[in-house]
Each structure stands twice: as structure tokens, then as C-alpha cells.
N, C-alpha and C. Protein backbone atom coordinates (compact mmCIF):
# COMPACT_ATOMS: atom_id res chain seq x y z
N MET A 1 46.34 75.99 -48.14
CA MET A 1 45.82 74.66 -48.31
C MET A 1 44.71 74.68 -49.34
N MET A 2 44.59 73.61 -50.17
CA MET A 2 43.62 73.59 -51.24
C MET A 2 42.52 72.59 -50.92
N GLY A 3 41.44 72.66 -51.66
CA GLY A 3 40.34 71.75 -51.44
C GLY A 3 40.66 70.37 -51.93
N ASP A 4 39.81 69.34 -51.51
CA ASP A 4 40.02 67.98 -51.95
C ASP A 4 40.00 67.92 -53.46
N GLY A 5 40.79 66.98 -54.00
CA GLY A 5 40.87 66.84 -55.45
C GLY A 5 41.93 67.72 -56.05
N THR A 6 42.93 68.12 -55.27
CA THR A 6 44.02 68.94 -55.78
C THR A 6 44.74 68.23 -56.92
N LYS A 7 45.04 68.98 -57.95
CA LYS A 7 45.82 68.45 -59.06
C LYS A 7 47.28 68.80 -58.86
N LEU A 8 48.15 67.92 -59.33
CA LEU A 8 49.58 68.12 -59.13
C LEU A 8 50.05 69.47 -59.66
N GLY A 9 49.54 69.86 -60.82
CA GLY A 9 49.97 71.11 -61.43
C GLY A 9 49.53 72.35 -60.67
N ASP A 10 48.65 72.17 -59.67
CA ASP A 10 48.14 73.32 -58.91
C ASP A 10 49.06 73.72 -57.76
N ILE A 11 50.01 72.86 -57.38
CA ILE A 11 50.80 73.18 -56.20
C ILE A 11 51.89 74.20 -56.54
N PHE A 12 52.36 74.89 -55.51
CA PHE A 12 53.30 76.00 -55.70
C PHE A 12 54.59 75.58 -56.38
N LEU A 13 54.98 74.31 -56.22
CA LEU A 13 56.25 73.85 -56.79
C LEU A 13 56.30 74.08 -58.30
N PHE A 14 55.13 74.05 -58.94
CA PHE A 14 55.08 74.16 -60.39
C PHE A 14 54.61 75.53 -60.88
N ASP A 15 54.54 76.51 -59.98
CA ASP A 15 54.19 77.88 -60.39
C ASP A 15 55.19 78.36 -61.43
N GLY A 16 54.68 78.76 -62.58
CA GLY A 16 55.53 79.27 -63.64
C GLY A 16 56.33 78.20 -64.36
N ALA A 17 56.00 76.92 -64.12
CA ALA A 17 56.75 75.82 -64.75
C ALA A 17 55.82 74.68 -65.12
N PRO A 18 54.86 74.92 -66.02
CA PRO A 18 53.93 73.85 -66.41
C PRO A 18 54.63 72.65 -67.03
N GLU A 19 55.78 72.88 -67.67
CA GLU A 19 56.50 71.76 -68.29
C GLU A 19 57.02 70.80 -67.23
N ALA A 20 57.34 71.32 -66.04
CA ALA A 20 57.81 70.45 -64.95
C ALA A 20 56.66 69.61 -64.41
N ALA A 21 55.47 70.21 -64.34
CA ALA A 21 54.29 69.44 -63.90
C ALA A 21 54.04 68.28 -64.83
N ALA A 22 54.24 68.49 -66.12
CA ALA A 22 54.05 67.42 -67.09
C ALA A 22 55.06 66.30 -66.86
N MET A 23 56.29 66.65 -66.45
CA MET A 23 57.31 65.65 -66.17
C MET A 23 56.91 64.75 -65.01
N ALA A 24 56.13 65.30 -64.08
CA ALA A 24 55.80 64.58 -62.85
C ALA A 24 54.48 63.82 -62.92
N GLU A 25 53.75 63.97 -64.01
CA GLU A 25 52.42 63.37 -64.09
C GLU A 25 52.42 61.86 -63.87
N GLY A 26 53.46 61.18 -64.30
CA GLY A 26 53.48 59.72 -64.19
C GLY A 26 53.96 59.19 -62.86
N CYS A 27 54.24 60.06 -61.91
CA CYS A 27 54.75 59.60 -60.62
C CYS A 27 53.67 58.81 -59.86
N PRO A 28 54.09 57.85 -59.05
CA PRO A 28 53.12 56.97 -58.38
C PRO A 28 52.19 57.70 -57.41
N ILE A 29 50.93 57.27 -57.41
CA ILE A 29 49.93 57.77 -56.48
C ILE A 29 49.52 56.60 -55.59
N VAL A 30 49.58 56.81 -54.28
CA VAL A 30 49.28 55.74 -53.32
C VAL A 30 48.12 56.19 -52.43
N SER A 31 47.17 55.29 -52.19
CA SER A 31 46.05 55.58 -51.30
C SER A 31 46.32 54.99 -49.92
N TYR A 32 45.99 55.75 -48.87
CA TYR A 32 46.19 55.31 -47.50
C TYR A 32 44.87 55.43 -46.73
N SER A 33 44.62 54.44 -45.89
CA SER A 33 43.43 54.47 -45.04
C SER A 33 43.73 55.21 -43.75
N ARG A 34 42.69 55.69 -43.10
CA ARG A 34 42.85 56.42 -41.84
C ARG A 34 43.67 55.60 -40.85
N GLY A 35 44.70 56.21 -40.26
CA GLY A 35 45.54 55.55 -39.28
C GLY A 35 46.73 54.83 -39.87
N GLU A 36 46.78 54.67 -41.18
CA GLU A 36 47.87 53.95 -41.81
C GLU A 36 49.15 54.80 -41.83
N ILE A 37 50.28 54.17 -41.58
CA ILE A 37 51.57 54.86 -41.57
C ILE A 37 52.07 55.05 -42.99
N ILE A 38 52.46 56.28 -43.31
CA ILE A 38 52.97 56.61 -44.64
C ILE A 38 54.50 56.61 -44.64
N TYR A 39 55.07 57.27 -43.65
CA TYR A 39 56.53 57.30 -43.45
C TYR A 39 56.81 57.00 -41.99
N ASP A 40 57.93 56.34 -41.72
CA ASP A 40 58.44 56.29 -40.35
C ASP A 40 59.95 56.17 -40.43
N PRO A 41 60.65 56.22 -39.29
CA PRO A 41 62.12 56.23 -39.33
C PRO A 41 62.74 55.00 -39.99
N THR A 42 62.00 53.90 -40.06
CA THR A 42 62.56 52.68 -40.65
C THR A 42 62.17 52.48 -42.11
N ALA A 43 61.18 53.20 -42.58
CA ALA A 43 60.70 53.02 -43.96
C ALA A 43 60.16 54.33 -44.51
N CYS A 44 60.93 54.93 -45.40
CA CYS A 44 60.46 56.15 -46.05
C CYS A 44 61.04 56.21 -47.45
N ARG A 45 60.29 56.77 -48.37
CA ARG A 45 60.75 56.93 -49.74
C ARG A 45 61.66 58.14 -49.83
N ARG A 46 62.64 58.07 -50.70
CA ARG A 46 63.43 59.27 -51.00
C ARG A 46 62.64 60.04 -52.05
N ALA A 47 61.57 60.63 -51.57
CA ALA A 47 60.63 61.31 -52.47
C ALA A 47 59.87 62.37 -51.70
N LEU A 48 59.40 63.36 -52.42
CA LEU A 48 58.56 64.41 -51.85
C LEU A 48 57.11 63.97 -52.00
N GLY A 49 56.40 63.90 -50.89
CA GLY A 49 55.00 63.50 -50.92
C GLY A 49 54.09 64.70 -51.10
N VAL A 50 53.15 64.60 -52.05
CA VAL A 50 52.16 65.65 -52.29
C VAL A 50 50.79 65.09 -51.93
N VAL A 51 50.11 65.68 -50.96
CA VAL A 51 48.78 65.22 -50.57
C VAL A 51 47.78 65.73 -51.61
N LEU A 52 47.12 64.81 -52.30
CA LEU A 52 46.13 65.18 -53.31
C LEU A 52 44.74 65.29 -52.70
N SER A 53 44.45 64.45 -51.72
CA SER A 53 43.15 64.49 -51.04
C SER A 53 43.30 63.89 -49.65
N GLY A 54 42.35 64.20 -48.77
CA GLY A 54 42.42 63.69 -47.41
C GLY A 54 43.34 64.50 -46.53
N ARG A 55 43.83 63.87 -45.46
CA ARG A 55 44.70 64.60 -44.52
C ARG A 55 45.66 63.63 -43.84
N ALA A 56 46.89 64.11 -43.61
CA ALA A 56 47.91 63.35 -42.89
C ALA A 56 48.53 64.25 -41.84
N GLU A 57 49.31 63.65 -40.94
CA GLU A 57 49.98 64.45 -39.92
C GLU A 57 51.32 63.82 -39.60
N ALA A 58 52.25 64.65 -39.15
CA ALA A 58 53.56 64.19 -38.69
C ALA A 58 53.54 64.18 -37.17
N VAL A 59 53.95 63.05 -36.59
CA VAL A 59 54.03 62.93 -35.14
C VAL A 59 55.45 62.53 -34.77
N SER A 60 55.81 62.78 -33.53
CA SER A 60 57.13 62.40 -33.05
C SER A 60 57.29 60.89 -33.10
N ALA A 61 58.44 60.42 -33.55
CA ALA A 61 58.70 58.98 -33.59
C ALA A 61 58.77 58.39 -32.19
N LEU A 62 59.07 59.23 -31.19
CA LEU A 62 59.18 58.76 -29.82
C LEU A 62 57.91 58.94 -29.02
N GLN A 63 57.11 59.94 -29.39
CA GLN A 63 55.88 60.23 -28.65
C GLN A 63 54.78 60.57 -29.65
N GLU A 64 53.92 59.60 -29.94
CA GLU A 64 52.92 59.77 -31.00
C GLU A 64 51.88 60.83 -30.66
N LYS A 65 51.74 61.19 -29.40
CA LYS A 65 50.77 62.21 -29.04
C LYS A 65 51.27 63.61 -29.40
N THR A 66 52.56 63.70 -29.72
CA THR A 66 53.14 65.00 -30.07
C THR A 66 53.01 65.20 -31.57
N VAL A 67 52.04 66.02 -31.98
CA VAL A 67 51.80 66.30 -33.40
C VAL A 67 52.73 67.43 -33.82
N LEU A 68 53.55 67.16 -34.84
CA LEU A 68 54.53 68.15 -35.30
C LEU A 68 53.96 69.04 -36.39
N SER A 69 53.15 68.48 -37.27
CA SER A 69 52.55 69.28 -38.34
C SER A 69 51.43 68.49 -39.00
N GLY A 70 50.58 69.20 -39.73
CA GLY A 70 49.48 68.57 -40.45
C GLY A 70 49.58 68.88 -41.94
N PHE A 71 49.05 67.98 -42.75
CA PHE A 71 49.13 68.13 -44.21
C PHE A 71 47.77 67.86 -44.83
N GLY A 72 47.27 68.86 -45.56
CA GLY A 72 46.03 68.71 -46.29
C GLY A 72 46.28 68.76 -47.77
N PRO A 73 45.24 68.75 -48.59
CA PRO A 73 45.41 68.78 -50.05
C PRO A 73 46.28 69.95 -50.51
N GLY A 74 47.31 69.63 -51.30
CA GLY A 74 48.23 70.65 -51.79
C GLY A 74 49.47 70.81 -50.96
N ASP A 75 49.51 70.20 -49.76
CA ASP A 75 50.68 70.31 -48.88
C ASP A 75 51.71 69.24 -49.22
N LEU A 76 52.97 69.52 -48.87
CA LEU A 76 54.09 68.62 -49.15
C LEU A 76 54.70 68.10 -47.86
N PHE A 77 55.25 66.89 -47.91
CA PHE A 77 56.03 66.38 -46.80
C PHE A 77 57.16 65.52 -47.37
N GLY A 78 58.14 65.20 -46.51
CA GLY A 78 59.22 64.33 -46.92
C GLY A 78 60.50 65.03 -47.32
N ALA A 79 60.55 66.35 -47.22
CA ALA A 79 61.76 67.07 -47.64
C ALA A 79 62.98 66.62 -46.84
N ALA A 80 62.76 66.22 -45.58
CA ALA A 80 63.89 65.81 -44.74
C ALA A 80 64.50 64.48 -45.18
N ALA A 81 63.81 63.76 -46.07
CA ALA A 81 64.32 62.47 -46.55
C ALA A 81 65.13 62.61 -47.83
N LEU A 82 65.30 63.84 -48.30
CA LEU A 82 65.92 64.06 -49.60
C LEU A 82 67.32 64.66 -49.50
N PHE A 83 68.10 64.44 -50.56
CA PHE A 83 69.38 65.12 -50.79
C PHE A 83 70.35 65.03 -49.61
N GLY A 84 70.99 63.87 -49.51
CA GLY A 84 72.06 63.70 -48.53
C GLY A 84 71.61 63.31 -47.16
N MET A 85 70.44 62.66 -47.03
CA MET A 85 69.99 62.23 -45.71
C MET A 85 70.88 61.10 -45.21
N ASP A 86 71.58 61.32 -44.11
CA ASP A 86 72.48 60.31 -43.54
C ASP A 86 71.89 59.64 -42.31
N HIS A 87 70.78 60.18 -41.82
CA HIS A 87 70.18 59.65 -40.59
C HIS A 87 68.74 59.23 -40.87
N PRO A 88 68.15 58.40 -40.00
CA PRO A 88 66.76 57.97 -40.20
C PRO A 88 65.81 59.16 -40.22
N TYR A 89 64.71 59.00 -40.91
CA TYR A 89 63.68 60.03 -40.93
C TYR A 89 63.22 60.26 -39.50
N VAL A 90 63.10 61.50 -39.08
CA VAL A 90 62.94 61.80 -37.65
C VAL A 90 61.51 61.75 -37.15
N SER A 91 60.52 61.71 -38.03
CA SER A 91 59.13 61.70 -37.57
C SER A 91 58.35 60.60 -38.27
N ARG A 92 57.13 60.42 -37.84
CA ARG A 92 56.24 59.42 -38.43
C ARG A 92 55.08 60.16 -39.10
N ILE A 93 54.81 59.83 -40.35
CA ILE A 93 53.69 60.43 -41.07
C ILE A 93 52.56 59.41 -41.13
N ARG A 94 51.38 59.79 -40.68
CA ARG A 94 50.25 58.86 -40.73
C ARG A 94 49.04 59.56 -41.32
N ALA A 95 48.13 58.77 -41.87
CA ALA A 95 46.90 59.30 -42.44
C ALA A 95 45.91 59.60 -41.32
N VAL A 96 45.42 60.82 -41.28
CA VAL A 96 44.39 61.20 -40.31
C VAL A 96 43.02 60.84 -40.87
N ARG A 97 42.86 61.04 -42.17
CA ARG A 97 41.70 60.58 -42.91
C ARG A 97 42.21 59.83 -44.13
N ASP A 98 41.32 59.07 -44.78
CA ASP A 98 41.72 58.42 -46.02
C ASP A 98 42.32 59.47 -46.94
N CYS A 99 43.47 59.16 -47.51
CA CYS A 99 44.13 60.17 -48.34
C CYS A 99 44.84 59.53 -49.53
N ARG A 100 45.11 60.36 -50.51
CA ARG A 100 45.86 59.96 -51.69
C ARG A 100 47.10 60.85 -51.76
N VAL A 101 48.26 60.20 -51.97
CA VAL A 101 49.53 60.92 -51.98
C VAL A 101 50.28 60.58 -53.27
N GLN A 102 50.78 61.61 -53.94
CA GLN A 102 51.63 61.39 -55.11
C GLN A 102 53.07 61.65 -54.70
N PHE A 103 53.97 60.72 -55.05
CA PHE A 103 55.36 60.81 -54.64
C PHE A 103 56.25 61.25 -55.80
N LEU A 104 57.03 62.31 -55.57
CA LEU A 104 57.96 62.82 -56.56
C LEU A 104 59.36 62.39 -56.15
N PRO A 105 59.95 61.41 -56.84
CA PRO A 105 61.25 60.86 -56.44
C PRO A 105 62.36 61.91 -56.50
N GLU A 106 63.38 61.69 -55.68
CA GLU A 106 64.51 62.61 -55.63
C GLU A 106 65.15 62.79 -57.01
N GLU A 107 65.27 61.68 -57.76
CA GLU A 107 65.88 61.76 -59.09
C GLU A 107 65.11 62.69 -60.01
N LEU A 108 63.78 62.62 -59.93
CA LEU A 108 62.94 63.49 -60.76
C LEU A 108 63.11 64.94 -60.34
N LEU A 109 63.12 65.19 -59.04
CA LEU A 109 63.26 66.56 -58.55
C LEU A 109 64.58 67.17 -59.01
N GLU A 110 65.66 66.38 -58.92
CA GLU A 110 66.96 66.88 -59.35
C GLU A 110 66.94 67.23 -60.85
N ARG A 111 66.29 66.38 -61.64
CA ARG A 111 66.20 66.64 -63.08
C ARG A 111 65.35 67.88 -63.35
N MET A 112 64.27 68.03 -62.58
CA MET A 112 63.40 69.20 -62.74
C MET A 112 64.14 70.48 -62.39
N PHE A 113 64.91 70.46 -61.29
CA PHE A 113 65.62 71.65 -60.85
C PHE A 113 66.65 72.09 -61.90
N LEU A 114 67.24 71.10 -62.58
CA LEU A 114 68.25 71.42 -63.59
C LEU A 114 67.63 71.92 -64.89
N THR A 115 66.52 71.33 -65.29
CA THR A 115 65.91 71.69 -66.57
C THR A 115 64.89 72.81 -66.45
N CYS A 116 64.31 72.98 -65.26
CA CYS A 116 63.30 74.03 -65.04
C CYS A 116 63.69 74.81 -63.77
N PRO A 117 64.62 75.74 -63.88
CA PRO A 117 65.12 76.46 -62.69
C PRO A 117 64.04 77.09 -61.84
N ARG A 118 62.90 77.41 -62.44
CA ARG A 118 61.81 78.02 -61.67
C ARG A 118 61.37 77.10 -60.52
N THR A 119 61.37 75.78 -60.77
CA THR A 119 60.97 74.85 -59.72
C THR A 119 61.98 74.85 -58.58
N ALA A 120 63.26 75.04 -58.88
CA ALA A 120 64.28 75.12 -57.83
C ALA A 120 64.05 76.33 -56.95
N VAL A 121 63.70 77.47 -57.57
CA VAL A 121 63.41 78.68 -56.81
C VAL A 121 62.18 78.46 -55.93
N ASN A 122 61.15 77.83 -56.48
CA ASN A 122 59.94 77.55 -55.71
C ASN A 122 60.24 76.65 -54.52
N TYR A 123 61.09 75.65 -54.74
CA TYR A 123 61.42 74.71 -53.67
C TYR A 123 62.25 75.40 -52.58
N ILE A 124 63.19 76.22 -52.98
CA ILE A 124 64.00 76.96 -52.00
C ILE A 124 63.11 77.90 -51.18
N THR A 125 62.15 78.53 -51.84
CA THR A 125 61.21 79.40 -51.14
C THR A 125 60.44 78.62 -50.09
N PHE A 126 59.99 77.42 -50.46
CA PHE A 126 59.28 76.54 -49.54
C PHE A 126 60.15 76.19 -48.33
N LEU A 127 61.40 75.77 -48.58
CA LEU A 127 62.30 75.40 -47.49
C LEU A 127 62.60 76.60 -46.59
N SER A 128 62.79 77.77 -47.19
CA SER A 128 63.08 78.97 -46.40
C SER A 128 61.92 79.32 -45.48
N SER A 129 60.69 79.16 -45.98
CA SER A 129 59.52 79.46 -45.15
C SER A 129 59.44 78.50 -43.98
N ARG A 130 59.80 77.23 -44.20
CA ARG A 130 59.78 76.25 -43.12
C ARG A 130 60.85 76.58 -42.07
N VAL A 131 62.02 77.00 -42.52
CA VAL A 131 63.09 77.36 -41.58
C VAL A 131 62.67 78.56 -40.74
N ARG A 132 62.06 79.57 -41.38
CA ARG A 132 61.63 80.75 -40.63
C ARG A 132 60.58 80.39 -39.59
N LEU A 133 59.62 79.54 -40.00
CA LEU A 133 58.57 79.15 -39.07
C LEU A 133 59.15 78.35 -37.91
N LEU A 134 60.06 77.42 -38.21
CA LEU A 134 60.69 76.62 -37.16
C LEU A 134 61.49 77.48 -36.20
N ASN A 135 62.24 78.42 -36.75
CA ASN A 135 63.02 79.32 -35.89
C ASN A 135 62.10 80.13 -34.98
N GLY A 136 60.98 80.56 -35.53
CA GLY A 136 60.03 81.32 -34.74
C GLY A 136 59.45 80.48 -33.61
N LYS A 137 59.12 79.22 -33.91
CA LYS A 137 58.58 78.34 -32.88
C LYS A 137 59.60 78.08 -31.78
N ILE A 138 60.84 77.81 -32.18
CA ILE A 138 61.89 77.54 -31.20
C ILE A 138 62.09 78.73 -30.28
N ALA A 139 62.11 79.91 -30.90
CA ALA A 139 62.32 81.13 -30.10
C ALA A 139 61.20 81.33 -29.10
N VAL A 140 59.95 81.11 -29.55
CA VAL A 140 58.81 81.31 -28.66
C VAL A 140 58.76 80.25 -27.58
N LEU A 141 58.99 78.98 -27.95
CA LEU A 141 58.93 77.90 -26.97
C LEU A 141 60.00 78.06 -25.89
N ALA A 142 61.12 78.68 -26.25
CA ALA A 142 62.20 78.86 -25.29
C ALA A 142 61.92 80.00 -24.31
N GLN A 143 60.97 80.85 -24.66
CA GLN A 143 60.66 81.99 -23.80
C GLN A 143 59.82 81.55 -22.61
N ASN A 144 59.99 82.20 -21.51
CA ASN A 144 59.15 81.92 -20.35
C ASN A 144 58.31 83.14 -20.00
N ASP A 145 58.10 84.00 -20.99
CA ASP A 145 57.26 85.17 -20.77
C ASP A 145 55.83 84.83 -21.17
N THR A 146 54.96 85.84 -21.23
CA THR A 146 53.55 85.59 -21.55
C THR A 146 53.38 84.95 -22.92
N GLU A 147 54.17 85.39 -23.88
CA GLU A 147 54.05 84.87 -25.23
C GLU A 147 54.42 83.38 -25.29
N GLY A 148 55.53 83.03 -24.64
CA GLY A 148 55.97 81.64 -24.63
C GLY A 148 54.98 80.73 -23.91
N ARG A 149 54.50 81.18 -22.75
CA ARG A 149 53.54 80.37 -22.00
C ARG A 149 52.24 80.21 -22.77
N LEU A 150 51.80 81.26 -23.45
CA LEU A 150 50.57 81.18 -24.23
C LEU A 150 50.71 80.21 -25.39
N TYR A 151 51.82 80.31 -26.11
CA TYR A 151 52.00 79.42 -27.27
C TYR A 151 52.09 77.95 -26.84
N ARG A 152 52.78 77.68 -25.74
CA ARG A 152 52.87 76.30 -25.25
C ARG A 152 51.49 75.78 -24.87
N TYR A 153 50.67 76.64 -24.26
CA TYR A 153 49.31 76.23 -23.90
C TYR A 153 48.48 75.92 -25.14
N LEU A 154 48.53 76.82 -26.13
CA LEU A 154 47.73 76.63 -27.34
C LEU A 154 48.18 75.39 -28.11
N ALA A 155 49.50 75.20 -28.23
CA ALA A 155 50.02 74.05 -28.96
C ALA A 155 49.67 72.74 -28.26
N GLY A 156 49.55 72.77 -26.96
CA GLY A 156 49.24 71.56 -26.21
C GLY A 156 47.76 71.26 -26.10
N ASN A 157 46.91 72.16 -26.58
CA ASN A 157 45.46 71.97 -26.46
C ASN A 157 44.74 72.09 -27.80
N CYS A 158 45.45 71.71 -28.88
CA CYS A 158 44.82 71.74 -30.19
C CYS A 158 44.83 70.34 -30.80
N ASP A 159 43.95 70.12 -31.78
CA ASP A 159 43.91 68.81 -32.42
C ASP A 159 44.92 68.74 -33.55
N GLU A 160 44.83 67.65 -34.37
CA GLU A 160 45.83 67.44 -35.40
C GLU A 160 45.80 68.50 -36.49
N SER A 161 44.67 69.23 -36.61
CA SER A 161 44.59 70.29 -37.61
C SER A 161 44.98 71.65 -37.07
N GLY A 162 45.33 71.70 -35.76
CA GLY A 162 45.73 72.96 -35.15
C GLY A 162 44.62 73.72 -34.47
N ARG A 163 43.39 73.20 -34.52
CA ARG A 163 42.26 73.89 -33.89
C ARG A 163 42.17 73.54 -32.41
N LEU A 164 41.82 74.52 -31.61
CA LEU A 164 41.70 74.28 -30.17
C LEU A 164 40.61 73.26 -29.90
N THR A 165 40.89 72.31 -29.01
CA THR A 165 39.96 71.22 -28.77
C THR A 165 38.85 71.61 -27.79
N ARG A 166 38.99 72.73 -27.13
CA ARG A 166 37.93 73.16 -26.22
C ARG A 166 37.79 74.66 -26.26
N SER A 167 36.58 75.10 -26.02
CA SER A 167 36.30 76.53 -26.05
C SER A 167 36.70 77.14 -24.71
N VAL A 168 37.33 78.28 -24.76
CA VAL A 168 37.76 78.95 -23.54
C VAL A 168 37.66 80.45 -23.74
N THR A 169 37.12 81.14 -22.74
CA THR A 169 37.01 82.59 -22.82
C THR A 169 38.37 83.22 -22.56
N MET A 170 38.51 84.45 -23.02
CA MET A 170 39.77 85.16 -22.79
C MET A 170 40.01 85.38 -21.30
N THR A 171 38.94 85.59 -20.54
CA THR A 171 39.08 85.78 -19.10
C THR A 171 39.62 84.53 -18.43
N ARG A 172 39.04 83.37 -18.82
CA ARG A 172 39.50 82.11 -18.23
C ARG A 172 40.91 81.77 -18.69
N LEU A 173 41.22 82.05 -19.96
CA LEU A 173 42.55 81.76 -20.48
C LEU A 173 43.60 82.60 -19.75
N ALA A 174 43.27 83.88 -19.55
CA ALA A 174 44.20 84.76 -18.83
C ALA A 174 44.42 84.27 -17.40
N ALA A 175 43.35 83.81 -16.76
CA ALA A 175 43.47 83.31 -15.39
C ALA A 175 44.29 82.03 -15.35
N SER A 176 44.09 81.14 -16.34
CA SER A 176 44.81 79.87 -16.38
C SER A 176 46.31 80.10 -16.53
N LEU A 177 46.66 81.15 -17.27
CA LEU A 177 48.07 81.43 -17.53
C LEU A 177 48.65 82.47 -16.58
N ASN A 178 47.81 82.89 -15.63
CA ASN A 178 48.25 83.87 -14.62
C ASN A 178 48.77 85.14 -15.27
N MET A 179 47.97 85.69 -16.17
CA MET A 179 48.34 86.95 -16.82
C MET A 179 47.11 87.82 -16.98
N GLY A 180 47.31 89.11 -17.12
CA GLY A 180 46.21 90.02 -17.33
C GLY A 180 45.67 89.92 -18.75
N ARG A 181 44.42 90.38 -18.96
CA ARG A 181 43.82 90.31 -20.28
C ARG A 181 44.59 91.17 -21.29
N THR A 182 45.10 92.30 -20.84
CA THR A 182 45.88 93.16 -21.75
C THR A 182 47.12 92.43 -22.24
N SER A 183 47.82 91.76 -21.31
CA SER A 183 49.01 91.00 -21.68
C SER A 183 48.65 89.84 -22.60
N LEU A 184 47.51 89.21 -22.36
CA LEU A 184 47.05 88.09 -23.18
C LEU A 184 46.81 88.55 -24.61
N TYR A 185 46.07 89.64 -24.77
CA TYR A 185 45.78 90.15 -26.11
C TYR A 185 47.06 90.59 -26.83
N ARG A 186 47.98 91.17 -26.08
CA ARG A 186 49.25 91.59 -26.68
C ARG A 186 50.03 90.36 -27.16
N ALA A 187 50.02 89.29 -26.37
CA ALA A 187 50.72 88.06 -26.76
C ALA A 187 50.05 87.41 -27.97
N LEU A 188 48.73 87.42 -28.03
CA LEU A 188 48.01 86.87 -29.18
C LEU A 188 48.35 87.64 -30.45
N ASP A 189 48.37 88.96 -30.34
CA ASP A 189 48.72 89.79 -31.50
C ASP A 189 50.13 89.47 -31.99
N SER A 190 51.05 89.28 -31.05
CA SER A 190 52.44 89.00 -31.42
C SER A 190 52.56 87.64 -32.11
N LEU A 191 51.87 86.61 -31.58
CA LEU A 191 51.92 85.28 -32.19
C LEU A 191 51.30 85.30 -33.58
N GLU A 192 50.26 86.10 -33.76
CA GLU A 192 49.63 86.18 -35.08
C GLU A 192 50.55 86.88 -36.08
N LYS A 193 51.22 87.93 -35.65
CA LYS A 193 52.15 88.64 -36.54
C LYS A 193 53.32 87.74 -36.95
N LYS A 194 53.67 86.78 -36.09
CA LYS A 194 54.75 85.84 -36.40
C LYS A 194 54.24 84.62 -37.17
N HIS A 195 52.94 84.63 -37.51
CA HIS A 195 52.31 83.55 -38.28
C HIS A 195 52.34 82.23 -37.53
N LEU A 196 52.31 82.28 -36.20
CA LEU A 196 52.26 81.06 -35.40
C LEU A 196 50.83 80.68 -35.05
N ILE A 197 49.91 81.62 -35.11
CA ILE A 197 48.48 81.34 -34.93
C ILE A 197 47.70 82.16 -35.95
N VAL A 198 46.45 81.73 -36.18
CA VAL A 198 45.53 82.47 -37.03
C VAL A 198 44.23 82.63 -36.26
N ARG A 199 43.69 83.85 -36.23
CA ARG A 199 42.41 84.11 -35.59
C ARG A 199 41.41 84.60 -36.63
N LYS A 200 40.23 84.02 -36.62
CA LYS A 200 39.21 84.43 -37.57
C LYS A 200 37.84 84.04 -37.04
N ASP A 201 36.91 85.00 -37.07
CA ASP A 201 35.53 84.77 -36.65
C ASP A 201 35.45 84.15 -35.26
N GLY A 202 36.29 84.63 -34.38
CA GLY A 202 36.24 84.17 -33.00
C GLY A 202 36.92 82.81 -32.77
N LYS A 203 37.50 82.23 -33.81
CA LYS A 203 38.17 80.94 -33.67
C LYS A 203 39.68 81.13 -33.81
N MET A 204 40.41 80.14 -33.30
CA MET A 204 41.87 80.24 -33.28
C MET A 204 42.47 78.94 -33.78
N GLU A 205 43.53 79.05 -34.59
CA GLU A 205 44.21 77.85 -35.10
C GLU A 205 45.71 78.04 -34.94
N VAL A 206 46.37 77.00 -34.46
CA VAL A 206 47.81 77.00 -34.28
C VAL A 206 48.47 76.49 -35.57
N MET A 207 49.38 77.28 -36.11
CA MET A 207 50.08 76.87 -37.33
C MET A 207 51.17 75.88 -36.96
N ARG A 208 51.19 74.73 -37.65
CA ARG A 208 52.15 73.66 -37.33
C ARG A 208 53.16 73.51 -38.43
């Protein structure tokens, strides 16, 4: 994730393809206020959204309390609305803070992929990383062992940015999940190796 004021040419999609970034410079930029809906199942652009500043999040269209992912400066959303979408967009994207989003239309992306193959490779890399992360989440959520129970607890007790909403000691966490501290630390290590959580300076963040 990049700091506020991200420039379009700074995102990974244009790595090694500055000419493609120039093609996209004229794409529309839209400002959204906190709480405003950007995409939902009934209204979405056939475009890739690039967050230039602020923050947005994807929530379930059926249950808004279920946060699916968060997007900060430099992050992309909307891939599910592109290239052969036959069904409604499955989630709702809303602004968590005031944000600015630049939209790259499907037609432009197709032209970029044909004229600048490097962008196609970058995009495929992005999609592959999302598939791997999703597969990892599904596998863990389906488990009923210490790792699965821990991940479900962490995912259910974090805010829209993935940070835990309350401080909890390892002793209390182990007791809450009915597991030993050794098993807890082993499960934390496993989730971190799978890139499902990040631990730093005593803090923990759930990757969405």
C-alpha cells in the first residue's frame, strides 16, 4: 500500500510500461465522501478502480457488517466486473474515508494489454495473487483445528483496515479459543507464513 497522493504511474500495473501509464492519464477521477457507495450489485462501472487517496472497503451485498477487503492508496478494485461478467457485482464498495478513485475502463485495459504486453503480465500476476490468497482463506476457514478457529476469531474482531479492535494478551486469547499457548503461537506462525496475518511491534493485522 502507498501513501496518500499516489500517482497512477506508481501502481504495479504499469511496472516496466510507462507508455501504458501515459495512455491512462486521461481516465476519469471521481471523489467520494465517507460512507458513499462506489460500487454495488446494481450499479458498477466496467472499469478497474485505482484508489489515489483515502480508503475504501468491500462489504458483503447481503451483510454490510461483513468486510471482505480494504483498499488504500495504490490498491485496485473492480476486477470482478471486467471481461465477461454475466452476473451482478457480488459486493458493495464504499468509501471509509473521503477518497479519490481513477477508473480504467475495460476497453482501455484491453488496448493496453494488446499494445503493452508487460501490463498484461502485471495484471495476471495481480489476479494470481488474489486467487492464492482466497484459496488460502477458504482452506483455513474450512478447518476446525486451532489454525481455523484462530483465523475466524481474528477476522471477526478486526476493523475495516484489518487491525484488531481490542487488545488481548496471548494468555487470554489462548483461553478464549480453548487452546494452549504453544498451539496458539504455532497457529500464528502458520497464518503469517500463509500471508493471512502480519505481526509487527506487538501488533497484528488480518490481511483481507
